[in-house]
Amino acid sequence: MASYLGGIPSGSSSASSYPWGYDVGLNKSSFWKIGAVPNKYAFRSPPPFAKGYFAIPPTDEPSQNTRSFFTSTPPEEPQDEPEHEDDAYQEPSTPEPESPSPEERQKEEARLKRLEQERAIAEAGEIDWVRSGGILRDADGNRDLTRTNAIREELHLQAEEKRLREQWDTYQKRWQAIASSQEPLHFKDIPWPLPVAPGSVEEMTQEKIEDFIMSPLKIRGNKVTPKGRLRGSMLRWHPDKLGAVVARVVPEELEDVKEGVGVVFRCLKALQDKQVPG
């Protein structure tokens, strides 16, 4: 009995020269359809279709990388992105430094106080050296003219402030002495607002009076305003306020004193008119 291979007799030459499903009795350019034409060499009927080509066996756990269409796992909720890039970065928290103990705090305060005292002593030594005509030197031994000139300017400013302060204090004390005395007065006894006591009315000028009244306001730390200084001076030199003082002037110098009071008051009034309120 002839054996069959794929529905074609093995003894036939067609079994090795034609592919499966090719009918040797048909034209070589066409394929036959399975089951359409009876043929003794036809294939067996294929098994009935069961699950189809895309049947996927169930697995115990779905893959982590691929979502299964047969699972009902809800999708992950979208997370809000930061509005700014800086919001996405959080600096690591740093522990707060420990507060120093009372003993450590006292030691630090003592150290700072000692350094301040040493600095004050060193500065005092430099000031004395420059005051005596010396020139400071830097750490390399070179002449430090910058620091030397700065100290010289400071010494000059201190001397000027001292002169103005003493001049104003003397002026105030002289007025207090007149108010507490009943002795007769001469022209030279009146505390005129001038750096040097004038010998006559002609020596009283607007420039000298303004310099004497306003210069003390340049002293560092002064809290008196120009407006306040002028107001107080005008009250003092108002002719109506000086009646008791003028009455004590000796008769031969009375007219000179009255004229001098008028000159001072007019200068103060002119100065007040041009001053900016302050």
Foldseek 3Di string as FASTA:
>chain_A
DFDDDLLHTPVDPCVPVPDHQADPPDDRVDGDDAPPDDDSSGGDDDDDDDDDDPDDDDDPDDDPVDDDPPDDDDDDDDDDDDPDPVVVDDDDDDDDDDDDDPVVVVVVVVVVVVVVVVVVVVVVVLLVQLVVPHFDADPVRHTDVPVSVVSVVVVVLVVVLVLLVVQVVVLVVLVVVLVVDLAADEQQSHSAQASDRDPFLVPDDLVRNCCSQPVNCPRPPDDADPLNSLVVVLCCLPPVNCPSVLVRYDPVHSVRNVVNSVSSNVSSVVVNVPDDDD
